[in-house]
């Protein structure tokens, strides 16, 4: 039986960013240095495939620090943690390694700098997301106000409209964030912003690649976890760029093939915490159903690399 022809456009860049790659290496290196078990507070990154792989090597994932024994190392996730978490680890004399992405740490430093200058912070982010919780937890309660949409800006009750600054979650939609920042600047003309954009290079690059592909294909598949902010934003970006069908999938098993009936071109990308092995899995699934042509659409090249913490590079 002749299989239908289909062209699969692979976005580049896609998948692991430098911060995620560093976080995974931190857990793997900690296991090599100290042996199993090594505890990890929250998912190290938002991807079940990655988490399960590390769990099989001896990582134990917990929600809170009090679930960790004091005599075993603990790692804090790439999303960052409130200040009271490492403080509690210090009090308990625990060995801990902070795997917070350096670009998230940059936002923490910005928040502390503005706070030291007497400014109240406005954070653009998603309520309950670990990165937002961790960033807001860098400062005393009430010093960081959260907005999720441009409409939220009108409801803000601030201490002094002339002494404000804003920061953003690093995994947001570039376009949506620009609208919210514009609303902030319109209401608070003297609000201070970051010296450099908070949305990370990897998030921006992956969104740019999707924007390039989306108008040209019948559907876009985003490989990523349902709780991955940057992956969900890629689905939104694809739809906003003109793609009629965009779907978030963990892997090949999640593909809605009925929705792809009649498609002759499909774009594929992967969120910043999704490994390339899942892209290969999805590609193979298409190859089994279609007379497949692969095209890579590259919009940027990434060479960023972050070192793992010194404590892991020193002898045990």
Foldseek 3Di string as FASTA:
>chain_A
DAFAAAEEEEEPPFAADQLLVQLLVQLVLLCVFPNADEEEAAQLAFAPVSSVVSVVRHYHYDNAPVVDDQAHEYEYHQLAAAPVRVVVNVVSVHHYFYSHRVLLVVLLVVLVVLVVVVAQEEEAEDPPQRNVNRSCNPDDPPSYHYDDALVVLVVDDDDDLLSYEYAYRQQAQPVRVVSNVVSSCVVRVNYHYDPDHSNDPQLVQQLVRLLVCLQPWQEEEEAGHPSHSNSVNSQVSSVVSPHPYYYYHNAQVRDPVVSCVPTRYYYYHYHNNRDCVRVVRNVVSVVVRHPYDYHYDYDDDDDDHDDGDVVSVDHD
